[in-house]
N, C-alpha and C. Protein backbone atom coordinates (compact mmCIF):
# COMPACT_ATOMS: atom_id res chain seq x y z
N UNK A 1 7.54 -1.36 24.51
CA UNK A 1 6.59 -2.22 23.84
C UNK A 1 5.25 -1.52 23.71
N UNK A 2 4.81 -0.88 24.81
CA UNK A 2 3.53 -0.18 24.78
C UNK A 2 3.57 0.98 23.80
N UNK A 3 4.73 1.58 23.66
CA UNK A 3 4.88 2.71 22.75
C UNK A 3 4.68 2.26 21.30
N UNK A 4 5.23 1.08 20.95
CA UNK A 4 5.08 0.56 19.60
C UNK A 4 3.64 0.19 19.30
N UNK A 5 2.97 -0.42 20.27
CA UNK A 5 1.57 -0.79 20.08
C UNK A 5 0.71 0.46 19.91
N UNK A 6 0.96 1.46 20.73
CA UNK A 6 0.22 2.71 20.62
C UNK A 6 0.48 3.38 19.28
N UNK A 7 1.71 3.37 18.82
CA UNK A 7 2.04 3.95 17.52
C UNK A 7 1.33 3.21 16.40
N UNK A 8 1.28 1.89 16.47
CA UNK A 8 0.60 1.10 15.45
C UNK A 8 -0.89 1.39 15.44
N UNK A 9 -1.50 1.50 16.61
CA UNK A 9 -2.93 1.81 16.69
C UNK A 9 -3.23 3.20 16.14
N UNK A 10 -2.37 4.16 16.44
CA UNK A 10 -2.56 5.51 15.91
C UNK A 10 -2.44 5.50 14.40
N UNK A 11 -1.48 4.78 13.86
CA UNK A 11 -1.30 4.69 12.41
C UNK A 11 -2.53 4.06 11.75
N UNK A 12 -3.04 2.98 12.32
CA UNK A 12 -4.23 2.34 11.77
C UNK A 12 -5.42 3.29 11.84
N UNK A 13 -5.55 4.01 12.94
CA UNK A 13 -6.66 4.95 13.07
C UNK A 13 -6.56 6.07 12.04
N UNK A 14 -5.36 6.58 11.81
CA UNK A 14 -5.18 7.66 10.84
C UNK A 14 -5.50 7.17 9.44
N UNK A 15 -5.13 5.94 9.12
CA UNK A 15 -5.40 5.40 7.80
C UNK A 15 -6.86 5.01 7.62
N UNK A 16 -7.54 4.62 8.70
CA UNK A 16 -8.91 4.14 8.60
C UNK A 16 -9.94 5.26 8.64
N UNK A 17 -9.63 6.37 9.25
CA UNK A 17 -10.62 7.45 9.40
C UNK A 17 -11.14 7.95 8.06
N UNK A 18 -10.30 8.20 7.05
CA UNK A 18 -10.86 8.64 5.77
C UNK A 18 -11.78 7.61 5.14
N UNK A 19 -11.50 6.34 5.32
CA UNK A 19 -12.37 5.30 4.75
C UNK A 19 -13.73 5.30 5.43
N UNK A 20 -13.74 5.49 6.75
CA UNK A 20 -15.02 5.52 7.45
C UNK A 20 -15.79 6.81 7.16
N UNK A 21 -15.08 7.88 6.94
CA UNK A 21 -15.75 9.15 6.69
C UNK A 21 -16.47 9.16 5.35
N UNK A 22 -15.93 8.44 4.37
CA UNK A 22 -16.56 8.43 3.05
C UNK A 22 -17.37 7.16 2.81
N UNK A 23 -17.61 6.36 3.84
CA UNK A 23 -18.36 5.11 3.68
C UNK A 23 -19.84 5.40 3.63
N UNK A 24 -20.35 5.61 2.42
CA UNK A 24 -21.76 5.94 2.25
C UNK A 24 -22.46 4.87 1.43
N UNK A 25 -22.08 3.62 1.63
CA UNK A 25 -22.68 2.53 0.88
C UNK A 25 -23.31 1.54 1.83
N UNK A 26 -24.21 0.74 1.32
CA UNK A 26 -24.84 -0.31 2.11
C UNK A 26 -23.91 -1.50 2.22
N UNK A 27 -24.18 -2.37 3.19
CA UNK A 27 -23.36 -3.55 3.36
C UNK A 27 -23.48 -4.45 2.13
N UNK A 28 -24.65 -4.57 1.55
CA UNK A 28 -24.85 -5.41 0.39
C UNK A 28 -24.22 -4.86 -0.88
N UNK A 29 -23.78 -3.62 -0.84
CA UNK A 29 -23.23 -2.96 -2.02
C UNK A 29 -21.70 -2.92 -1.95
N UNK A 30 -21.10 -3.89 -1.29
CA UNK A 30 -19.66 -3.88 -1.04
C UNK A 30 -18.86 -3.95 -2.34
N UNK A 31 -19.29 -4.71 -3.32
CA UNK A 31 -18.55 -4.85 -4.56
C UNK A 31 -18.45 -3.56 -5.35
N UNK A 32 -19.48 -2.74 -5.29
CA UNK A 32 -19.46 -1.47 -6.03
C UNK A 32 -18.54 -0.44 -5.40
N UNK A 33 -18.18 -0.63 -4.14
CA UNK A 33 -17.27 0.29 -3.48
C UNK A 33 -15.92 0.32 -4.17
N UNK A 34 -15.45 -0.83 -4.60
CA UNK A 34 -14.16 -0.93 -5.25
C UNK A 34 -14.26 -0.95 -6.76
N UNK A 35 -15.42 -0.64 -7.31
CA UNK A 35 -15.60 -0.66 -8.75
C UNK A 35 -15.69 -2.07 -9.30
N UNK A 36 -16.22 -3.01 -8.51
CA UNK A 36 -16.28 -4.41 -8.92
C UNK A 36 -17.68 -4.86 -9.29
N UNK A 37 -18.61 -3.94 -9.41
CA UNK A 37 -20.02 -4.26 -9.62
C UNK A 37 -20.29 -5.28 -10.69
N UNK A 38 -20.26 -4.88 -11.95
CA UNK A 38 -20.58 -5.81 -13.04
C UNK A 38 -19.45 -5.85 -14.06
N UNK A 39 -18.24 -5.65 -13.61
CA UNK A 39 -17.08 -5.63 -14.50
C UNK A 39 -16.68 -7.06 -14.86
N UNK A 40 -15.96 -7.20 -15.97
CA UNK A 40 -15.47 -8.52 -16.35
C UNK A 40 -14.31 -8.93 -15.45
N UNK A 41 -13.85 -10.16 -15.62
CA UNK A 41 -12.83 -10.70 -14.73
C UNK A 41 -11.52 -9.92 -14.82
N UNK A 42 -11.12 -9.53 -16.01
CA UNK A 42 -9.86 -8.79 -16.17
C UNK A 42 -9.90 -7.47 -15.42
N UNK A 43 -10.98 -6.72 -15.58
CA UNK A 43 -11.09 -5.43 -14.88
C UNK A 43 -11.17 -5.62 -13.38
N UNK A 44 -11.83 -6.69 -12.94
CA UNK A 44 -11.95 -6.97 -11.52
C UNK A 44 -10.59 -7.27 -10.90
N UNK A 45 -9.82 -8.12 -11.57
CA UNK A 45 -8.48 -8.47 -11.06
C UNK A 45 -7.59 -7.24 -11.03
N UNK A 46 -7.63 -6.44 -12.09
CA UNK A 46 -6.81 -5.23 -12.14
C UNK A 46 -7.21 -4.27 -11.02
N UNK A 47 -8.50 -4.10 -10.77
CA UNK A 47 -8.95 -3.20 -9.70
C UNK A 47 -8.49 -3.68 -8.32
N UNK A 48 -8.62 -4.97 -8.07
CA UNK A 48 -8.21 -5.50 -6.77
C UNK A 48 -6.70 -5.35 -6.57
N UNK A 49 -5.94 -5.69 -7.60
CA UNK A 49 -4.48 -5.61 -7.50
C UNK A 49 -4.03 -4.16 -7.35
N UNK A 50 -4.64 -3.25 -8.10
CA UNK A 50 -4.25 -1.83 -7.98
C UNK A 50 -4.58 -1.30 -6.59
N UNK A 51 -5.70 -1.70 -6.03
CA UNK A 51 -6.06 -1.23 -4.69
C UNK A 51 -5.08 -1.77 -3.65
N UNK A 52 -4.79 -3.07 -3.72
CA UNK A 52 -3.89 -3.68 -2.74
C UNK A 52 -2.47 -3.13 -2.87
N UNK A 53 -1.97 -3.03 -4.10
CA UNK A 53 -0.61 -2.53 -4.28
C UNK A 53 -0.52 -1.04 -3.98
N UNK A 54 -1.58 -0.30 -4.21
CA UNK A 54 -1.60 1.10 -3.82
C UNK A 54 -1.49 1.26 -2.32
N UNK A 55 -2.17 0.40 -1.58
CA UNK A 55 -2.08 0.41 -0.12
C UNK A 55 -0.66 0.07 0.33
N UNK A 56 -0.06 -0.94 -0.29
CA UNK A 56 1.32 -1.31 0.07
C UNK A 56 2.30 -0.20 -0.29
N UNK A 57 2.06 0.48 -1.41
CA UNK A 57 2.91 1.61 -1.79
C UNK A 57 2.80 2.73 -0.77
N UNK A 58 1.59 2.97 -0.28
CA UNK A 58 1.39 3.98 0.75
C UNK A 58 2.16 3.64 2.02
N UNK A 59 2.14 2.37 2.40
CA UNK A 59 2.89 1.95 3.58
C UNK A 59 4.39 2.15 3.37
N UNK A 60 4.89 1.85 2.16
CA UNK A 60 6.31 2.05 1.87
C UNK A 60 6.69 3.52 1.96
N UNK A 61 5.83 4.40 1.46
CA UNK A 61 6.11 5.83 1.54
C UNK A 61 6.10 6.30 2.99
N UNK A 62 5.19 5.75 3.79
CA UNK A 62 5.16 6.12 5.22
C UNK A 62 6.46 5.70 5.91
N UNK A 63 6.98 4.52 5.56
CA UNK A 63 8.25 4.08 6.13
C UNK A 63 9.41 4.95 5.68
N UNK A 64 9.38 5.42 4.43
CA UNK A 64 10.41 6.34 3.97
C UNK A 64 10.36 7.64 4.78
N UNK A 65 9.17 8.15 5.00
CA UNK A 65 9.02 9.36 5.81
C UNK A 65 9.48 9.12 7.24
N UNK A 66 9.16 7.97 7.79
CA UNK A 66 9.61 7.63 9.14
C UNK A 66 11.13 7.57 9.22
N UNK A 67 11.76 6.93 8.24
CA UNK A 67 13.21 6.86 8.21
C UNK A 67 13.84 8.24 8.10
N UNK A 68 13.24 9.10 7.29
CA UNK A 68 13.73 10.47 7.18
C UNK A 68 13.59 11.23 8.49
N UNK A 69 12.49 11.00 9.18
CA UNK A 69 12.28 11.66 10.47
C UNK A 69 13.31 11.19 11.49
N UNK A 70 13.57 9.89 11.52
CA UNK A 70 14.57 9.36 12.45
C UNK A 70 15.95 9.94 12.13
N UNK A 71 16.26 10.04 10.85
CA UNK A 71 17.56 10.57 10.45
C UNK A 71 17.68 12.04 10.84
N UNK A 72 16.63 12.81 10.62
CA UNK A 72 16.68 14.24 10.92
C UNK A 72 16.74 14.51 12.43
N UNK A 73 16.18 13.62 13.21
CA UNK A 73 16.19 13.82 14.66
C UNK A 73 17.30 13.03 15.35
N UNK A 74 18.22 12.45 14.57
CA UNK A 74 19.30 11.64 15.16
C UNK A 74 20.27 12.48 15.96
N UNK A 75 20.46 13.71 15.60
CA UNK A 75 21.35 14.58 16.34
C UNK A 75 22.80 14.14 16.31
N UNK A 76 23.22 13.54 15.22
CA UNK A 76 24.61 13.11 15.10
C UNK A 76 24.88 11.72 15.65
N UNK A 77 23.89 11.07 16.21
CA UNK A 77 24.04 9.72 16.74
C UNK A 77 24.15 8.73 15.57
N UNK A 78 25.33 8.14 15.43
CA UNK A 78 25.58 7.25 14.29
C UNK A 78 24.69 6.02 14.30
N UNK A 79 24.31 5.55 15.46
CA UNK A 79 23.45 4.38 15.57
C UNK A 79 22.06 4.67 14.99
N UNK A 80 21.52 5.84 15.34
CA UNK A 80 20.20 6.22 14.81
C UNK A 80 20.26 6.50 13.31
N UNK A 81 21.36 7.10 12.85
CA UNK A 81 21.52 7.35 11.42
C UNK A 81 21.58 6.03 10.67
N UNK A 82 22.30 5.05 11.21
CA UNK A 82 22.37 3.74 10.59
C UNK A 82 21.01 3.06 10.53
N UNK A 83 20.25 3.17 11.62
CA UNK A 83 18.90 2.61 11.64
C UNK A 83 18.02 3.29 10.60
N UNK A 84 18.12 4.60 10.51
CA UNK A 84 17.32 5.34 9.54
C UNK A 84 17.68 4.94 8.11
N UNK A 85 18.96 4.76 7.83
CA UNK A 85 19.39 4.33 6.49
C UNK A 85 18.84 2.96 6.16
N UNK A 86 18.84 2.06 7.14
CA UNK A 86 18.29 0.72 6.91
C UNK A 86 16.80 0.78 6.63
N UNK A 87 16.07 1.60 7.38
CA UNK A 87 14.63 1.72 7.18
C UNK A 87 14.33 2.30 5.80
N UNK A 88 15.06 3.35 5.42
CA UNK A 88 14.82 3.97 4.12
C UNK A 88 15.17 3.02 2.99
N UNK A 89 16.28 2.33 3.09
CA UNK A 89 16.66 1.41 2.01
C UNK A 89 15.68 0.24 1.91
N UNK A 90 15.21 -0.27 3.03
CA UNK A 90 14.22 -1.35 2.99
C UNK A 90 12.90 -0.87 2.40
N UNK A 91 12.50 0.35 2.72
CA UNK A 91 11.26 0.90 2.18
C UNK A 91 11.37 1.14 0.68
N UNK A 92 12.52 1.61 0.22
CA UNK A 92 12.71 1.83 -1.22
C UNK A 92 12.69 0.49 -1.96
N UNK A 93 13.33 -0.52 -1.39
CA UNK A 93 13.29 -1.85 -2.00
C UNK A 93 11.86 -2.38 -2.03
N UNK A 94 11.11 -2.18 -0.97
CA UNK A 94 9.70 -2.58 -0.95
C UNK A 94 8.88 -1.85 -1.99
N UNK A 95 9.14 -0.56 -2.17
CA UNK A 95 8.42 0.22 -3.18
C UNK A 95 8.75 -0.28 -4.58
N UNK A 96 10.00 -0.63 -4.82
CA UNK A 96 10.39 -1.18 -6.12
C UNK A 96 9.69 -2.52 -6.36
N UNK A 97 9.61 -3.35 -5.33
CA UNK A 97 8.92 -4.64 -5.46
C UNK A 97 7.45 -4.43 -5.77
N UNK A 98 6.82 -3.46 -5.11
CA UNK A 98 5.40 -3.18 -5.36
C UNK A 98 5.20 -2.73 -6.81
N UNK A 99 6.06 -1.84 -7.30
CA UNK A 99 5.93 -1.37 -8.67
C UNK A 99 6.15 -2.50 -9.68
N UNK A 100 7.13 -3.35 -9.42
CA UNK A 100 7.37 -4.49 -10.31
C UNK A 100 6.21 -5.48 -10.27
N UNK A 101 5.64 -5.71 -9.10
CA UNK A 101 4.49 -6.61 -9.00
C UNK A 101 3.31 -6.06 -9.78
N UNK A 102 3.08 -4.75 -9.69
CA UNK A 102 2.00 -4.14 -10.46
C UNK A 102 2.24 -4.32 -11.96
N UNK A 103 3.46 -4.09 -12.42
CA UNK A 103 3.77 -4.23 -13.83
C UNK A 103 3.60 -5.67 -14.30
N UNK A 104 4.03 -6.62 -13.50
CA UNK A 104 3.91 -8.03 -13.87
C UNK A 104 2.45 -8.45 -13.94
N UNK A 105 1.66 -8.08 -12.95
CA UNK A 105 0.24 -8.46 -12.94
C UNK A 105 -0.49 -7.83 -14.12
N UNK A 106 -0.21 -6.56 -14.38
CA UNK A 106 -0.85 -5.90 -15.52
C UNK A 106 -0.49 -6.58 -16.83
N UNK A 107 0.79 -6.93 -16.99
CA UNK A 107 1.25 -7.60 -18.20
C UNK A 107 0.60 -8.97 -18.35
N UNK A 108 0.58 -9.75 -17.28
CA UNK A 108 0.02 -11.10 -17.34
C UNK A 108 -1.47 -11.07 -17.62
N UNK A 109 -2.20 -10.21 -16.93
CA UNK A 109 -3.64 -10.15 -17.12
C UNK A 109 -3.99 -9.67 -18.53
N UNK A 110 -3.28 -8.69 -19.04
CA UNK A 110 -3.59 -8.19 -20.38
C UNK A 110 -3.25 -9.23 -21.45
N UNK A 111 -2.19 -10.01 -21.26
CA UNK A 111 -1.82 -11.02 -22.25
C UNK A 111 -2.64 -12.30 -22.14
N UNK A 112 -3.06 -12.67 -20.95
CA UNK A 112 -3.88 -13.88 -20.83
C UNK A 112 -5.31 -13.63 -21.27
N UNK A 113 -5.79 -12.40 -21.23
CA UNK A 113 -7.15 -12.14 -21.68
C UNK A 113 -7.26 -12.32 -23.19
N UNK A 114 -6.18 -12.15 -23.92
CA UNK A 114 -6.20 -12.37 -25.37
C UNK A 114 -6.38 -13.86 -25.67
N UNK A 115 -5.82 -14.73 -24.86
CA UNK A 115 -5.91 -16.17 -25.12
C UNK A 115 -7.25 -16.74 -24.72
N UNK A 116 -7.85 -16.20 -23.66
CA UNK A 116 -9.10 -16.77 -23.17
C UNK A 116 -10.33 -16.11 -23.78
N UNK A 117 -10.18 -15.01 -24.49
CA UNK A 117 -11.34 -14.33 -25.02
C UNK A 117 -11.92 -15.06 -26.23
N UNK A 118 -11.13 -15.74 -26.99
CA UNK A 118 -11.64 -16.33 -28.21
C UNK A 118 -11.75 -17.78 -28.10
């Protein structure tokens, strides 16, 4: 249990360090960090969705790499190979869901802006 918690903390630290290293904005300037300063609603929604889905895509790729690592270090153990296959297949399904969600949101936002603009 402690090993899993430590692994999760290390993963969060590795993902958070680049964000802290490039954080050169004021607290009041939070909207401009994500390109949300004075953009219209459509651009704002697209930026937020792309950022969130990009993060989820990154997590899916990390799980694919983890599954590959487990498979490569299984040493012929069928149980570990089965676990690795499950992790990789779940991560690929998650990545497909993320890509489909991005496509759906982009389609909906671009088509609804035509109806509300006029």
